[in-house]
């Protein structure tokens, strides 16, 4: 995930194949989360926990840069969970409104 973040922030130049491998890794993690959240509102139990906070915060950069609208459409459970988390007033007060990308960085 770090090569993707570093490239997205403009901190370093990353070879295309390294960047694509990082994106592939992020997408595989998101798929696992999507499967886990198929019948749940939060990662653990019925309420927001520290697990949700940590996981959602770690995915902010990915949702803003490489998880485009087409990919999100195929991962409805994790996308709804992410939107639910970052839309909570406590998130918004600390992080502002999170705008997800429509098209992925290349």
PDB file of N, CA and C in Angstrom:
ATOM      1  N   UNK A   1       0.817  -1.185   0.000  1.00  0.00           N
ATOM      2  CA  UNK A   1       0.000   0.000   0.000  1.00  0.00           C
ATOM      3  C   UNK A   1       0.871   1.264   0.000  1.00  0.00           C
ATOM      4  N   UNK A   2       2.018   1.193   0.601  1.00  0.00           N
ATOM      5  CA  UNK A   2       2.876   2.375   0.692  1.00  0.00           C
ATOM      6  C   UNK A   2       3.296   2.937  -0.668  1.00  0.00           C
ATOM      7  N   UNK A   3       3.664   2.117  -1.652  1.00  0.00           N
ATOM      8  CA  UNK A   3       4.029   2.714  -2.940  1.00  0.00           C
ATOM      9  C   UNK A   3       2.880   3.523  -3.546  1.00  0.00           C
ATOM     10  N   UNK A   4       1.670   3.044  -3.366  1.00  0.00           N
ATOM     11  CA  UNK A   4       0.509   3.747  -3.906  1.00  0.00           C
ATOM     12  C   UNK A   4       0.336   5.083  -3.188  1.00  0.00           C
ATOM     13  N   UNK A   5       0.432   5.075  -1.875  1.00  0.00           N
ATOM     14  CA  UNK A   5       0.264   6.296  -1.092  1.00  0.00           C
ATOM     15  C   UNK A   5       1.367   7.298  -1.418  1.00  0.00           C
ATOM     16  N   UNK A   6       2.599   6.823  -1.448  1.00  0.00           N
ATOM     17  CA  UNK A   6       3.717   7.722  -1.733  1.00  0.00           C
ATOM     18  C   UNK A   6       3.582   8.348  -3.126  1.00  0.00           C
ATOM     19  N   UNK A   7       3.169   7.565  -4.097  1.00  0.00           N
ATOM     20  CA  UNK A   7       2.983   8.088  -5.452  1.00  0.00           C
ATOM     21  C   UNK A   7       1.804   9.060  -5.496  1.00  0.00           C
ATOM     22  N   UNK A   8       0.720   8.711  -4.818  1.00  0.00           N
ATOM     23  CA  UNK A   8      -0.462   9.567  -4.810  1.00  0.00           C
ATOM     24  C   UNK A   8      -0.179  10.915  -4.162  1.00  0.00           C
ATOM     25  N   UNK A   9       0.670  10.918  -3.168  1.00  0.00           N
ATOM     26  CA  UNK A   9       1.028  12.160  -2.487  1.00  0.00           C
ATOM     27  C   UNK A   9       2.109  12.940  -3.236  1.00  0.00           C
ATOM     28  N   UNK A  10       2.642  12.351  -4.292  1.00  0.00           N
ATOM     29  CA  UNK A  10       3.682  13.011  -5.057  1.00  0.00           C
ATOM     30  C   UNK A  10       5.027  13.012  -4.355  1.00  0.00           C
ATOM     31  N   UNK A  11       5.199  12.101  -3.404  1.00  0.00           N
ATOM     32  CA  UNK A  11       6.430  12.029  -2.627  1.00  0.00           C
ATOM     33  C   UNK A  11       7.563  11.340  -3.358  1.00  0.00           C
ATOM     34  N   UNK A  12       7.225  10.469  -4.274  1.00  0.00           N
ATOM     35  CA  UNK A  12       8.242   9.718  -4.985  1.00  0.00           C
ATOM     36  C   UNK A  12       7.693   9.240  -6.323  1.00  0.00           C
ATOM     37  N   UNK A  13       8.581   8.904  -7.209  1.00  0.00           N
ATOM     38  CA  UNK A  13       8.196   8.299  -8.475  1.00  0.00           C
ATOM     39  C   UNK A  13       8.240   6.790  -8.263  1.00  0.00           C
ATOM     40  N   UNK A  14       7.166   6.137  -8.642  1.00  0.00           N
ATOM     41  CA  UNK A  14       7.054   4.692  -8.461  1.00  0.00           C
ATOM     42  C   UNK A  14       6.902   4.059  -9.833  1.00  0.00           C
ATOM     43  N   UNK A  15       7.622   2.986 -10.062  1.00  0.00           N
ATOM     44  CA  UNK A  15       7.485   2.275 -11.338  1.00  0.00           C
ATOM     45  C   UNK A  15       6.045   1.798 -11.488  1.00  0.00           C
ATOM     46  N   UNK A  16       5.581   1.812 -12.724  1.00  0.00           N
ATOM     47  CA  UNK A  16       4.192   1.452 -13.017  1.00  0.00           C
ATOM     48  C   UNK A  16       3.832   0.075 -12.483  1.00  0.00           C
ATOM     49  N   UNK A  17       4.733  -0.893 -12.643  1.00  0.00           N
ATOM     50  CA  UNK A  17       4.404  -2.251 -12.192  1.00  0.00           C
ATOM     51  C   UNK A  17       4.325  -2.339 -10.667  1.00  0.00           C
ATOM     52  N   UNK A  18       5.128  -1.552  -9.970  1.00  0.00           N
ATOM     53  CA  UNK A  18       5.068  -1.523  -8.500  1.00  0.00           C
ATOM     54  C   UNK A  18       3.771  -0.865  -8.056  1.00  0.00           C
ATOM     55  N   UNK A  19       3.406   0.221  -8.725  1.00  0.00           N
ATOM     56  CA  UNK A  19       2.159   0.917  -8.411  1.00  0.00           C
ATOM     57  C   UNK A  19       0.965  -0.018  -8.638  1.00  0.00           C
ATOM     58  N   UNK A  20       0.941  -0.688  -9.795  1.00  0.00           N
ATOM     59  CA  UNK A  20      -0.173  -1.589 -10.108  1.00  0.00           C
ATOM     60  C   UNK A  20      -0.248  -2.762  -9.131  1.00  0.00           C
ATOM     61  N   UNK A  21       0.900  -3.275  -8.702  1.00  0.00           N
ATOM     62  CA  UNK A  21       0.912  -4.359  -7.700  1.00  0.00           C
ATOM     63  C   UNK A  21       0.331  -3.856  -6.380  1.00  0.00           C
ATOM     64  N   UNK A  22       0.658  -2.621  -6.010  1.00  0.00           N
ATOM     65  CA  UNK A  22       0.105  -2.035  -4.797  1.00  0.00           C
ATOM     66  C   UNK A  22      -1.397  -1.856  -4.886  1.00  0.00           C
ATOM     67  N   UNK A  23      -1.882  -1.388  -6.025  1.00  0.00           N
ATOM     68  CA  UNK A  23      -3.321  -1.224  -6.234  1.00  0.00           C
ATOM     69  C   UNK A  23      -4.013  -2.580  -6.172  1.00  0.00           C
ATOM     70  N   UNK A  24      -3.417  -3.579  -6.784  1.00  0.00           N
ATOM     71  CA  UNK A  24      -3.989  -4.929  -6.759  1.00  0.00           C
ATOM     72  C   UNK A  24      -4.092  -5.441  -5.321  1.00  0.00           C
ATOM     73  N   UNK A  25      -3.074  -5.175  -4.525  1.00  0.00           N
ATOM     74  CA  UNK A  25      -3.072  -5.585  -3.126  1.00  0.00           C
ATOM     75  C   UNK A  25      -4.188  -4.877  -2.343  1.00  0.00           C
ATOM     76  N   UNK A  26      -4.321  -3.575  -2.549  1.00  0.00           N
ATOM     77  CA  UNK A  26      -5.381  -2.821  -1.871  1.00  0.00           C
ATOM     78  C   UNK A  26      -6.745  -3.371  -2.251  1.00  0.00           C
ATOM     79  N   UNK A  27      -6.942  -3.636  -3.530  1.00  0.00           N
ATOM     80  CA  UNK A  27      -8.236  -4.147  -3.989  1.00  0.00           C
ATOM     81  C   UNK A  27      -8.538  -5.529  -3.419  1.00  0.00           C
ATOM     82  N   UNK A  28      -7.528  -6.357  -3.232  1.00  0.00           N
ATOM     83  CA  UNK A  28      -7.763  -7.680  -2.642  1.00  0.00           C
ATOM     84  C   UNK A  28      -8.165  -7.549  -1.173  1.00  0.00           C
ATOM     85  N   UNK A  29      -7.582  -6.605  -0.458  1.00  0.00           N
ATOM     86  CA  UNK A  29      -7.958  -6.366   0.940  1.00  0.00           C
ATOM     87  C   UNK A  29      -9.392  -5.846   1.006  1.00  0.00           C
ATOM     88  N   UNK A  30      -9.738  -4.942   0.114  1.00  0.00           N
ATOM     89  CA  UNK A  30     -11.092  -4.387   0.094  1.00  0.00           C
ATOM     90  C   UNK A  30     -12.105  -5.479  -0.224  1.00  0.00           C
ATOM     91  N   UNK A  31     -11.758  -6.408  -1.095  1.00  0.00           N
ATOM     92  CA  UNK A  31     -12.666  -7.519  -1.404  1.00  0.00           C
ATOM     93  C   UNK A  31     -12.914  -8.378  -0.161  1.00  0.00           C
ATOM     94  N   UNK A  32     -11.872  -8.655   0.609  1.00  0.00           N
ATOM     95  CA  UNK A  32     -12.034  -9.421   1.849  1.00  0.00           C
ATOM     96  C   UNK A  32     -12.968  -8.677   2.806  1.00  0.00           C
ATOM     97  N   UNK A  33     -12.751  -7.376   2.945  1.00  0.00           N
ATOM     98  CA  UNK A  33     -13.630  -6.578   3.806  1.00  0.00           C
ATOM     99  C   UNK A  33     -15.063  -6.586   3.282  1.00  0.00           C
ATOM    100  N   UNK A  34     -15.226  -6.493   1.963  1.00  0.00           N
ATOM    101  CA  UNK A  34     -16.561  -6.524   1.382  1.00  0.00           C
ATOM    102  C   UNK A  34     -17.278  -7.827   1.725  1.00  0.00           C
ATOM    103  N   UNK A  35     -16.579  -8.941   1.601  1.00  0.00           N
ATOM    104  CA  UNK A  35     -17.176 -10.235   1.938  1.00  0.00           C
ATOM    105  C   UNK A  35     -17.532 -10.299   3.424  1.00  0.00           C
ATOM    106  N   UNK A  36     -16.654  -9.783   4.275  1.00  0.00           N
ATOM    107  CA  UNK A  36     -16.888  -9.796   5.720  1.00  0.00           C
ATOM    108  C   UNK A  36     -18.106  -8.953   6.100  1.00  0.00           C
ATOM    109  N   UNK A  37     -18.300  -7.853   5.394  1.00  0.00           N
ATOM    110  CA  UNK A  37     -19.370  -6.920   5.730  1.00  0.00           C
ATOM    111  C   UNK A  37     -20.691  -7.226   5.028  1.00  0.00           C
ATOM    112  N   UNK A  38     -20.775  -8.361   4.363  1.00  0.00           N
ATOM    113  CA  UNK A  38     -21.964  -8.691   3.579  1.00  0.00           C
ATOM    114  C   UNK A  38     -23.255  -8.608   4.394  1.00  0.00           C
ATOM    115  N   UNK A  39     -23.226  -8.991   5.640  1.00  0.00           N
ATOM    116  CA  UNK A  39     -24.434  -8.986   6.472  1.00  0.00           C
ATOM    117  C   UNK A  39     -24.248  -8.155   7.732  1.00  0.00           C
ATOM    118  N   UNK A  40     -23.303  -7.213   7.711  1.00  0.00           N
ATOM    119  CA  UNK A  40     -22.987  -6.439   8.902  1.00  0.00           C
ATOM    120  C   UNK A  40     -22.956  -4.948   8.599  1.00  0.00           C
ATOM    121  N   UNK A  41     -23.164  -4.146   9.640  1.00  0.00           N
ATOM    122  CA  UNK A  41     -23.047  -2.697   9.502  1.00  0.00           C
ATOM    123  C   UNK A  41     -21.668  -2.203   9.917  1.00  0.00           C
ATOM    124  N   UNK A  42     -21.019  -2.938  10.820  1.00  0.00           N
ATOM    125  CA  UNK A  42     -19.690  -2.574  11.291  1.00  0.00           C
ATOM    126  C   UNK A  42     -18.835  -3.826  11.360  1.00  0.00           C
ATOM    127  N   UNK A  43     -17.536  -3.667  11.489  1.00  0.00           N
ATOM    128  CA  UNK A  43     -16.613  -4.809  11.465  1.00  0.00           C
ATOM    129  C   UNK A  43     -16.842  -5.784  12.609  1.00  0.00           C
ATOM    130  N   UNK A  44     -17.097  -5.222  13.804  1.00  0.00           N
ATOM    131  CA  UNK A  44     -17.265  -6.056  14.998  1.00  0.00           C
ATOM    132  C   UNK A  44     -18.539  -5.612  15.702  1.00  0.00           C
ATOM    133  N   UNK A  45     -19.543  -6.426  15.696  1.00  0.00           N
ATOM    134  CA  UNK A  45     -20.776  -6.080  16.409  1.00  0.00           C
ATOM    135  C   UNK A  45     -21.654  -5.107  15.646  1.00  0.00           C
ATOM    136  N   UNK A  46     -22.562  -4.489  16.411  1.00  0.00           N
ATOM    137  CA  UNK A  46     -23.572  -3.607  15.819  1.00  0.00           C
ATOM    138  C   UNK A  46     -23.253  -2.123  15.950  1.00  0.00           C
ATOM    139  N   UNK A  47     -22.129  -1.810  16.560  1.00  0.00           N
ATOM    140  CA  UNK A  47     -21.762  -0.421  16.778  1.00  0.00           C
ATOM    141  C   UNK A  47     -20.346  -0.163  16.282  1.00  0.00           C
ATOM    142  N   UNK A  48     -20.061   1.103  16.075  1.00  0.00           N
ATOM    143  CA  UNK A  48     -18.725   1.515  15.679  1.00  0.00           C
ATOM    144  C   UNK A  48     -17.727   1.140  16.772  1.00  0.00           C
ATOM    145  N   UNK A  49     -16.604   0.553  16.367  1.00  0.00           N
ATOM    146  CA  UNK A  49     -15.533   0.217  17.306  1.00  0.00           C
ATOM    147  C   UNK A  49     -14.222   0.788  16.781  1.00  0.00           C
ATOM    148  N   UNK A  50     -13.202   0.649  17.582  1.00  0.00           N
ATOM    149  CA  UNK A  50     -11.877   1.116  17.166  1.00  0.00           C
ATOM    150  C   UNK A  50     -11.434   0.400  15.882  1.00  0.00           C
ATOM    151  N   UNK A  51     -11.884  -0.829  15.681  1.00  0.00           N
ATOM    152  CA  UNK A  51     -11.545  -1.570  14.454  1.00  0.00           C
ATOM    153  C   UNK A  51     -12.068  -0.823  13.227  1.00  0.00           C
ATOM    154  N   UNK A  52     -13.281  -0.300  13.310  1.00  0.00           N
ATOM    155  CA  UNK A  52     -13.857   0.457  12.200  1.00  0.00           C
ATOM    156  C   UNK A  52     -13.092   1.753  11.968  1.00  0.00           C
ATOM    157  N   UNK A  53     -12.750   2.424  13.055  1.00  0.00           N
ATOM    158  CA  UNK A  53     -12.040   3.698  12.945  1.00  0.00           C
ATOM    159  C   UNK A  53     -10.693   3.489  12.264  1.00  0.00           C
ATOM    160  N   UNK A  54      -9.941   2.502  12.725  1.00  0.00           N
ATOM    161  CA  UNK A  54      -8.613   2.253  12.168  1.00  0.00           C
ATOM    162  C   UNK A  54      -8.714   1.814  10.706  1.00  0.00           C
ATOM    163  N   UNK A  55      -9.605   0.881  10.416  1.00  0.00           N
ATOM    164  CA  UNK A  55      -9.729   0.378   9.046  1.00  0.00           C
ATOM    165  C   UNK A  55     -10.211   1.476   8.092  1.00  0.00           C
ATOM    166  N   UNK A  56     -11.223   2.235   8.503  1.00  0.00           N
ATOM    167  CA  UNK A  56     -11.747   3.292   7.630  1.00  0.00           C
ATOM    168  C   UNK A  56     -10.684   4.359   7.384  1.00  0.00           C
ATOM    169  N   UNK A  57      -9.977   4.758   8.434  1.00  0.00           N
ATOM    170  CA  UNK A  57      -8.932   5.775   8.261  1.00  0.00           C
ATOM    171  C   UNK A  57      -7.807   5.286   7.355  1.00  0.00           C
ATOM    172  N   UNK A  58      -7.489   4.008   7.438  1.00  0.00           N
ATOM    173  CA  UNK A  58      -6.413   3.481   6.597  1.00  0.00           C
ATOM    174  C   UNK A  58      -6.828   3.375   5.133  1.00  0.00           C
ATOM    175  N   UNK A  59      -8.120   3.407   4.861  1.00  0.00           N
ATOM    176  CA  UNK A  59      -8.602   3.311   3.477  1.00  0.00           C
ATOM    177  C   UNK A  59      -8.943   4.658   2.846  1.00  0.00           C
ATOM    178  N   UNK A  60      -8.856   5.740   3.604  1.00  0.00           N
ATOM    179  CA  UNK A  60      -9.234   7.048   3.065  1.00  0.00           C
ATOM    180  C   UNK A  60      -8.449   7.378   1.799  1.00  0.00           C
ATOM    181  N   UNK A  61      -7.140   7.269   1.859  1.00  0.00           N
ATOM    182  CA  UNK A  61      -6.313   7.616   0.699  1.00  0.00           C
ATOM    183  C   UNK A  61      -6.657   6.735  -0.508  1.00  0.00           C
ATOM    184  N   UNK A  62      -6.912   5.455  -0.279  1.00  0.00           N
ATOM    185  CA  UNK A  62      -7.269   4.555  -1.381  1.00  0.00           C
ATOM    186  C   UNK A  62      -8.591   4.971  -2.023  1.00  0.00           C
ATOM    187  N   UNK A  63      -9.575   5.320  -1.196  1.00  0.00           N
ATOM    188  CA  UNK A  63     -10.865   5.760  -1.743  1.00  0.00           C
ATOM    189  C   UNK A  63     -10.742   7.100  -2.471  1.00  0.00           C
ATOM    190  N   UNK A  64      -9.796   7.904  -2.088  1.00  0.00           N
ATOM    191  CA  UNK A  64      -9.619   9.191  -2.743  1.00  0.00           C
ATOM    192  C   UNK A  64      -8.783   9.104  -4.017  1.00  0.00           C
ATOM    193  N   UNK A  65      -8.080   7.993  -4.225  1.00  0.00           N
ATOM    194  CA  UNK A  65      -7.150   7.945  -5.357  1.00  0.00           C
ATOM    195  C   UNK A  65      -7.331   6.757  -6.300  1.00  0.00           C
ATOM    196  N   UNK A  66      -7.472   5.551  -5.800  1.00  0.00           N
ATOM    197  CA  UNK A  66      -7.423   4.390  -6.703  1.00  0.00           C
ATOM    198  C   UNK A  66      -8.676   3.514  -6.707  1.00  0.00           C
ATOM    199  N   UNK A  67      -9.554   3.666  -5.747  1.00  0.00           N
ATOM    200  CA  UNK A  67     -10.782   2.865  -5.736  1.00  0.00           C
ATOM    201  C   UNK A  67     -11.886   3.686  -6.395  1.00  0.00           C
ATOM    202  N   UNK A  68     -11.918   3.586  -7.720  1.00  0.00           N
ATOM    203  CA  UNK A  68     -12.827   4.417  -8.505  1.00  0.00           C
ATOM    204  C   UNK A  68     -14.273   3.945  -8.425  1.00  0.00           C
ATOM    205  N   UNK A  69     -15.155   4.704  -9.035  1.00  0.00           N
ATOM    206  CA  UNK A  69     -16.590   4.436  -8.981  1.00  0.00           C
ATOM    207  C   UNK A  69     -16.929   3.048  -9.515  1.00  0.00           C
ATOM    208  N   UNK A  70     -16.283   2.620 -10.573  1.00  0.00           N
ATOM    209  CA  UNK A  70     -16.545   1.290 -11.133  1.00  0.00           C
ATOM    210  C   UNK A  70     -16.187   0.179 -10.156  1.00  0.00           C
ATOM    211  N   UNK A  71     -15.043   0.301  -9.521  1.00  0.00           N
ATOM    212  CA  UNK A  71     -14.630  -0.700  -8.529  1.00  0.00           C
ATOM    213  C   UNK A  71     -15.584  -0.672  -7.338  1.00  0.00           C
ATOM    214  N   UNK A  72     -15.928   0.506  -6.855  1.00  0.00           N
ATOM    215  CA  UNK A  72     -16.809   0.628  -5.690  1.00  0.00           C
ATOM    216  C   UNK A  72     -18.178   0.017  -5.958  1.00  0.00           C
ATOM    217  N   UNK A  73     -18.646   0.114  -7.185  1.00  0.00           N
ATOM    218  CA  UNK A  73     -19.953  -0.450  -7.530  1.00  0.00           C
ATOM    219  C   UNK A  73     -19.969  -1.964  -7.300  1.00  0.00           C
ATOM    220  N   UNK A  74     -18.841  -2.621  -7.555  1.00  0.00           N
ATOM    221  CA  UNK A  74     -18.732  -4.064  -7.355  1.00  0.00           C
ATOM    222  C   UNK A  74     -18.459  -4.465  -5.917  1.00  0.00           C
ATOM    223  N   UNK A  75     -18.226  -3.485  -5.041  1.00  0.00           N
ATOM    224  CA  UNK A  75     -17.942  -3.738  -3.618  1.00  0.00           C
ATOM    225  C   UNK A  75     -18.923  -2.934  -2.759  1.00  0.00           C
ATOM    226  N   UNK A  76     -20.224  -3.247  -2.875  1.00  0.00           N
ATOM    227  CA  UNK A  76     -21.217  -2.392  -2.211  1.00  0.00           C
ATOM    228  C   UNK A  76     -21.167  -2.423  -0.683  1.00  0.00           C
ATOM    229  N   UNK A  77     -20.848  -3.555  -0.096  1.00  0.00           N
ATOM    230  CA  UNK A  77     -20.888  -3.659   1.371  1.00  0.00           C
ATOM    231  C   UNK A  77     -19.793  -2.828   2.016  1.00  0.00           C
ATOM    232  N   UNK A  78     -18.582  -2.947   1.505  1.00  0.00           N
ATOM    233  CA  UNK A  78     -17.477  -2.189   2.089  1.00  0.00           C
ATOM    234  C   UNK A  78     -17.619  -0.697   1.780  1.00  0.00           C
ATOM    235  N   UNK A  79     -18.159  -0.363   0.629  1.00  0.00           N
ATOM    236  CA  UNK A  79     -18.341   1.039   0.281  1.00  0.00           C
ATOM    237  C   UNK A  79     -19.409   1.677   1.169  1.00  0.00           C
ATOM    238  N   UNK A  80     -20.504   0.974   1.410  1.00  0.00           N
ATOM    239  CA  UNK A  80     -21.543   1.490   2.312  1.00  0.00           C
ATOM    240  C   UNK A  80     -20.988   1.649   3.726  1.00  0.00           C
ATOM    241  N   UNK A  81     -20.218   0.671   4.183  1.00  0.00           N
ATOM    242  CA  UNK A  81     -19.601   0.749   5.507  1.00  0.00           C
ATOM    243  C   UNK A  81     -18.657   1.948   5.588  1.00  0.00           C
ATOM    244  N   UNK A  82     -17.814   2.129   4.565  1.00  0.00           N
ATOM    245  CA  UNK A  82     -16.868   3.245   4.553  1.00  0.00           C
ATOM    246  C   UNK A  82     -17.623   4.569   4.593  1.00  0.00           C
ATOM    247  N   UNK A  83     -18.637   4.717   3.760  1.00  0.00           N
ATOM    248  CA  UNK A  83     -19.429   5.947   3.739  1.00  0.00           C
ATOM    249  C   UNK A  83     -20.120   6.173   5.083  1.00  0.00           C
ATOM    250  N   UNK A  84     -20.599   5.091   5.691  1.00  0.00           N
ATOM    251  CA  UNK A  84     -21.239   5.192   7.005  1.00  0.00           C
ATOM    252  C   UNK A  84     -20.240   5.708   8.045  1.00  0.00           C
ATOM    253  N   UNK A  85     -19.053   5.142   8.044  1.00  0.00           N
ATOM    254  CA  UNK A  85     -18.029   5.546   9.014  1.00  0.00           C
ATOM    255  C   UNK A  85     -17.598   6.990   8.819  1.00  0.00           C
ATOM    256  N   UNK A  86     -17.168   7.338   7.614  1.00  0.00           N
ATOM    257  CA  UNK A  86     -16.630   8.688   7.394  1.00  0.00           C
ATOM    258  C   UNK A  86     -17.715   9.750   7.381  1.00  0.00           C
ATOM    259  N   UNK A  87     -18.968   9.336   7.328  1.00  0.00           N
ATOM    260  CA  UNK A  87     -20.076  10.284   7.392  1.00  0.00           C
ATOM    261  C   UNK A  87     -20.524  10.596   8.806  1.00  0.00           C
ATOM    262  N   UNK A  88     -20.005   9.856   9.780  1.00  0.00           N
ATOM    263  CA  UNK A  88     -20.372  10.120  11.172  1.00  0.00           C
ATOM    264  C   UNK A  88     -19.855  11.489  11.604  1.00  0.00           C
ATOM    265  N   UNK A  89     -20.637  12.200  12.389  1.00  0.00           N
ATOM    266  CA  UNK A  89     -20.216  13.539  12.821  1.00  0.00           C
ATOM    267  C   UNK A  89     -18.822  13.575  13.454  1.00  0.00           C
ATOM    268  N   UNK A  90     -18.469  12.549  14.227  1.00  0.00           N
ATOM    269  CA  UNK A  90     -17.148  12.542  14.867  1.00  0.00           C
ATOM    270  C   UNK A  90     -16.024  12.449  13.833  1.00  0.00           C
ATOM    271  N   UNK A  91     -16.231  11.709  12.747  1.00  0.00           N
ATOM    272  CA  UNK A  91     -15.245  11.648  11.662  1.00  0.00           C
ATOM    273  C   UNK A  91     -15.163  13.000  10.958  1.00  0.00           C
ATOM    274  N   UNK A  92     -16.315  13.539  10.620  1.00  0.00           N
ATOM    275  CA  UNK A  92     -16.356  14.790   9.861  1.00  0.00           C
ATOM    276  C   UNK A  92     -15.697  15.923  10.649  1.00  0.00           C
ATOM    277  N   UNK A  93     -15.947  15.976  11.946  1.00  0.00           N
ATOM    278  CA  UNK A  93     -15.329  17.037  12.763  1.00  0.00           C
ATOM    279  C   UNK A  93     -13.807  16.961  12.725  1.00  0.00           C
ATOM    280  N   UNK A  94     -13.265  15.756  12.674  1.00  0.00           N
ATOM    281  CA  UNK A  94     -11.815  15.597  12.734  1.00  0.00           C
ATOM    282  C   UNK A  94     -11.153  15.548  11.359  1.00  0.00           C
ATOM    283  N   UNK A  95     -11.846  14.978  10.376  1.00  0.00           N
ATOM    284  CA  UNK A  95     -11.232  14.752   9.072  1.00  0.00           C
ATOM    285  C   UNK A  95     -11.847  15.577   7.940  1.00  0.00           C
ATOM    286  N   UNK A  96     -12.963  16.198   8.190  1.00  0.00           N
ATOM    287  CA  UNK A  96     -13.674  16.897   7.131  1.00  0.00           C
ATOM    288  C   UNK A  96     -14.461  15.894   6.299  1.00  0.00           C
ATOM    289  N   UNK A  97     -15.026  16.369   5.215  1.00  0.00           N
ATOM    290  CA  UNK A  97     -15.777  15.489   4.329  1.00  0.00           C
ATOM    291  C   UNK A  97     -14.811  14.793   3.380  1.00  0.00           C
ATOM    292  N   UNK A  98     -14.961  13.490   3.253  1.00  0.00           N
ATOM    293  CA  UNK A  98     -14.097  12.680   2.389  1.00  0.00           C
ATOM    294  C   UNK A  98     -14.760  12.573   1.019  1.00  0.00           C
ATOM    295  N   UNK A  99     -14.065  13.031   0.003  1.00  0.00           N
ATOM    296  CA  UNK A  99     -14.566  12.933  -1.375  1.00  0.00           C
ATOM    297  C   UNK A  99     -13.857  11.780  -2.064  1.00  0.00           C
ATOM    298  N   UNK A 100     -14.647  10.838  -2.545  1.00  0.00           N
ATOM    299  CA  UNK A 100     -14.076   9.670  -3.222  1.00  0.00           C
ATOM    300  C   UNK A 100     -13.851   9.990  -4.699  1.00  0.00           C
ATOM    301  N   UNK A 101     -12.834   9.372  -5.266  1.00  0.00           N
ATOM    302  CA  UNK A 101     -12.488   9.619  -6.663  1.00  0.00           C
ATOM    303  C   UNK A 101     -13.492   8.969  -7.598  1.00  0.00           C
ATOM    304  N   UNK A 102     -13.700   9.585  -8.735  1.00  0.00           N
ATOM    305  CA  UNK A 102     -14.547   8.992  -9.777  1.00  0.00           C
ATOM    306  C   UNK A 102     -13.700   8.151 -10.726  1.00  0.00           C
ATOM    307  N   UNK A 103     -12.462   8.570 -10.956  1.00  0.00           N
ATOM    308  CA  UNK A 103     -11.566   7.803 -11.816  1.00  0.00           C
ATOM    309  C   UNK A 103     -10.230   7.631 -11.094  1.00  0.00           C
ATOM    310  N   UNK A 104      -9.684   6.434 -11.213  1.00  0.00           N
ATOM    311  CA  UNK A 104      -8.480   6.080 -10.478  1.00  0.00           C
ATOM    312  C   UNK A 104      -7.232   6.713 -11.063  1.00  0.00           C
ATOM    313  N   UNK A 105      -6.283   7.000 -10.169  1.00  0.00           N
ATOM    314  CA  UNK A 105      -4.956   7.436 -10.606  1.00  0.00           C
ATOM    315  C   UNK A 105      -4.322   6.303 -11.384  1.00  0.00           C
ATOM    316  N   UNK A 106      -3.511   6.631 -12.338  1.00  0.00           N
ATOM    317  CA  UNK A 106      -2.809   5.609 -13.126  1.00  0.00           C
ATOM    318  C   UNK A 106      -1.332   5.662 -12.834  1.00  0.00           C
TER     319      UNK A 106
END
